[in-house]
Amino acid sequence: MAQIGTFTRGEDGSFTGTIRTLAITVKASIKPVPKGESERSPDYRVATNGVEFGAGWSKIAKDTGAEYVSVKLDDPSFTAPVYASLVAGEKGEHKLIWSR
């Protein structure tokens, strides 16, 4: 697993930061959205430069009980969607950790 982003959490529950991979480096926001009619609808939308390119779902780790956001990023330039977890770090920052 590799860290591909660093975010800070705002008082409104949104996250702002940077996503950096070998192919992209973008400033991004992860903003909460009102829950829709479906239980499966995302809890967050991920955007950069006003363009949505991902979604996130609030989760709780079974082993530790820690809260995190499961994120799916997708863009026509990607060969496949990128899955990651947004987890709290030690100094108030949140890390976006990529996984296969």
C-alpha atoms as a PDB file:
ATOM      1  CA  MET A   1       0.000   0.000   0.000  1.00  0.00           C
ATOM      2  CA  ALA A   2       1.245   3.471  -0.866  1.00  0.00           C
ATOM      3  CA  GLN A   3       0.213   6.905   0.287  1.00  0.00           C
ATOM      4  CA  ILE A   4      -1.106   8.898  -2.689  1.00  0.00           C
ATOM      5  CA  GLY A   5      -2.604  11.870  -0.878  1.00  0.00           C
ATOM      6  CA  THR A   6      -2.558  14.124   2.164  1.00  0.00           C
ATOM      7  CA  PHE A   7      -5.677  15.936   3.367  1.00  0.00           C
ATOM      8  CA  THR A   8      -6.842  18.155   6.202  1.00  0.00           C
ATOM      9  CA  ARG A   9     -10.361  18.000   7.585  1.00  0.00           C
ATOM     10  CA  GLY A  10     -12.469  21.153   7.761  1.00  0.00           C
ATOM     11  CA  GLU A  11     -15.050  21.989  10.419  1.00  0.00           C
ATOM     12  CA  ASP A  12     -17.812  21.184   7.909  1.00  0.00           C
ATOM     13  CA  GLY A  13     -16.584  17.588   7.542  1.00  0.00           C
ATOM     14  CA  SER A  14     -14.954  18.143   4.146  1.00  0.00           C
ATOM     15  CA  PHE A  15     -11.340  17.269   3.343  1.00  0.00           C
ATOM     16  CA  THR A  16      -8.948  19.306   1.184  1.00  0.00           C
ATOM     17  CA  GLY A  17      -5.528  18.291  -0.015  1.00  0.00           C
ATOM     18  CA  THR A  18      -3.436  16.861  -2.809  1.00  0.00           C
ATOM     19  CA  ILE A  19      -3.528  13.558  -4.662  1.00  0.00           C
ATOM     20  CA  ARG A  20      -0.167  12.619  -6.159  1.00  0.00           C
ATOM     21  CA  THR A  21       0.642   9.540  -8.253  1.00  0.00           C
ATOM     22  CA  LEU A  22       3.147   8.870 -11.030  1.00  0.00           C
ATOM     23  CA  ALA A  23       0.552  10.063 -13.555  1.00  0.00           C
ATOM     24  CA  ILE A  24      -1.275  12.920 -11.773  1.00  0.00           C
ATOM     25  CA  THR A  25      -0.793  15.626  -9.168  1.00  0.00           C
ATOM     26  CA  VAL A  26      -4.010  17.495  -8.347  1.00  0.00           C
ATOM     27  CA  LYS A  27      -5.508  19.576  -5.568  1.00  0.00           C
ATOM     28  CA  ALA A  28      -8.704  17.824  -4.544  1.00  0.00           C
ATOM     29  CA  SER A  29     -11.648  18.107  -2.197  1.00  0.00           C
ATOM     30  CA  ILE A  30     -13.654  15.329  -0.596  1.00  0.00           C
ATOM     31  CA  LYS A  31     -16.998  16.807   0.425  1.00  0.00           C
ATOM     32  CA  PRO A  32     -19.877  15.190   2.318  1.00  0.00           C
ATOM     33  CA  VAL A  33     -23.161  14.852   0.475  1.00  0.00           C
ATOM     34  CA  PRO A  34     -26.666  14.406   1.877  1.00  0.00           C
ATOM     35  CA  LYS A  35     -27.684  10.774   1.997  1.00  0.00           C
ATOM     36  CA  GLY A  36     -29.906   9.836  -0.929  1.00  0.00           C
ATOM     37  CA  GLU A  37     -32.709   7.343  -1.076  1.00  0.00           C
ATOM     38  CA  SER A  38     -30.331   4.420  -1.443  1.00  0.00           C
ATOM     39  CA  GLU A  39     -28.211   3.018   1.378  1.00  0.00           C
ATOM     40  CA  ARG A  40     -25.449   2.488  -1.189  1.00  0.00           C
ATOM     41  CA  SER A  41     -25.234   6.113  -2.336  1.00  0.00           C
ATOM     42  CA  PRO A  42     -21.884   7.780  -1.555  1.00  0.00           C
ATOM     43  CA  ASP A  43     -21.301   9.764   1.614  1.00  0.00           C
ATOM     44  CA  TYR A  44     -18.677  11.941  -0.125  1.00  0.00           C
ATOM     45  CA  ARG A  45     -17.888  13.293  -3.597  1.00  0.00           C
ATOM     46  CA  VAL A  46     -14.297  13.788  -4.746  1.00  0.00           C
ATOM     47  CA  ALA A  47     -13.568  16.691  -7.099  1.00  0.00           C
ATOM     48  CA  THR A  48     -10.666  18.601  -8.598  1.00  0.00           C
ATOM     49  CA  ASN A  49     -10.916  21.854 -10.538  1.00  0.00           C
ATOM     50  CA  GLY A  50     -14.716  21.616 -10.346  1.00  0.00           C
ATOM     51  CA  VAL A  51     -14.766  18.163 -11.965  1.00  0.00           C
ATOM     52  CA  GLU A  52     -16.047  15.160 -10.025  1.00  0.00           C
ATOM     53  CA  PHE A  53     -13.765  12.160 -10.316  1.00  0.00           C
ATOM     54  CA  GLY A  54     -14.626   9.976  -7.374  1.00  0.00           C
ATOM     55  CA  ALA A  55     -16.833   9.064  -4.450  1.00  0.00           C
ATOM     56  CA  GLY A  56     -16.362   7.915  -0.871  1.00  0.00           C
ATOM     57  CA  TRP A  57     -18.235   5.860   1.712  1.00  0.00           C
ATOM     58  CA  SER A  58     -17.890   6.133   5.499  1.00  0.00           C
ATOM     59  CA  LYS A  59     -16.647   2.881   7.033  1.00  0.00           C
ATOM     60  CA  ILE A  60     -15.544   1.518  10.409  1.00  0.00           C
ATOM     61  CA  ALA A  61     -12.582  -0.871  10.640  1.00  0.00           C
ATOM     62  CA  LYS A  62     -13.679  -4.203  12.114  1.00  0.00           C
ATOM     63  CA  ASP A  63     -10.381  -4.797  13.921  1.00  0.00           C
ATOM     64  CA  THR A  64      -9.839  -1.373  15.521  1.00  0.00           C
ATOM     65  CA  GLY A  65     -13.179   0.424  15.301  1.00  0.00           C
ATOM     66  CA  ALA A  66     -11.412   3.341  13.594  1.00  0.00           C
ATOM     67  CA  GLU A  67     -13.454   5.426  11.163  1.00  0.00           C
ATOM     68  CA  TYR A  68     -12.203   5.897   7.599  1.00  0.00           C
ATOM     69  CA  VAL A  69     -13.501   6.779   4.142  1.00  0.00           C
ATOM     70  CA  SER A  70     -13.379   4.153   1.394  1.00  0.00           C
ATOM     71  CA  VAL A  71     -12.666   6.088  -1.827  1.00  0.00           C
ATOM     72  CA  LYS A  72     -13.062   5.150  -5.487  1.00  0.00           C
ATOM     73  CA  LEU A  73     -11.404   7.457  -8.035  1.00  0.00           C
ATOM     74  CA  ASP A  74     -12.090   7.149 -11.747  1.00  0.00           C
ATOM     75  CA  ASP A  75     -11.315   9.175 -14.828  1.00  0.00           C
ATOM     76  CA  PRO A  76     -11.270   8.400 -18.564  1.00  0.00           C
ATOM     77  CA  SER A  77      -7.467   8.756 -18.463  1.00  0.00           C
ATOM     78  CA  PHE A  78      -7.165   5.903 -15.918  1.00  0.00           C
ATOM     79  CA  THR A  79      -6.813   2.330 -17.169  1.00  0.00           C
ATOM     80  CA  ALA A  80      -8.935   1.184 -14.197  1.00  0.00           C
ATOM     81  CA  PRO A  81     -10.546   2.774 -11.132  1.00  0.00           C
ATOM     82  CA  VAL A  82      -8.262   3.558  -8.186  1.00  0.00           C
ATOM     83  CA  TYR A  83      -9.409   2.335  -4.775  1.00  0.00           C
ATOM     84  CA  ALA A  84      -8.057   3.954  -1.620  1.00  0.00           C
ATOM     85  CA  SER A  85      -8.774   4.564   2.051  1.00  0.00           C
ATOM     86  CA  LEU A  86      -8.701   7.986   3.697  1.00  0.00           C
ATOM     87  CA  VAL A  87      -7.406   7.412   7.236  1.00  0.00           C
ATOM     88  CA  ALA A  88      -6.534   9.737  10.107  1.00  0.00           C
ATOM     89  CA  GLY A  89      -2.825  10.346  10.628  1.00  0.00           C
ATOM     90  CA  GLU A  90      -0.945  11.295  13.767  1.00  0.00           C
ATOM     91  CA  LYS A  91      -0.914  15.101  13.544  1.00  0.00           C
ATOM     92  CA  GLY A  92      -4.448  15.828  12.405  1.00  0.00           C
ATOM     93  CA  GLU A  93      -3.717  15.104   8.764  1.00  0.00           C
ATOM     94  CA  HIS A  94      -5.503  12.394   6.818  1.00  0.00           C
ATOM     95  CA  LYS A  95      -3.666  10.044   4.476  1.00  0.00           C
ATOM     96  CA  LEU A  96      -5.097   8.662   1.266  1.00  0.00           C
ATOM     97  CA  ILE A  97      -3.726   5.116   1.011  1.00  0.00           C
ATOM     98  CA  TRP A  98      -3.947   3.335  -2.338  1.00  0.00           C
ATOM     99  CA  SER A  99      -4.674  -0.381  -2.465  1.00  0.00           C
ATOM    100  CA  ARG A 100      -5.263  -2.963  -5.172  1.00  0.00           C
END
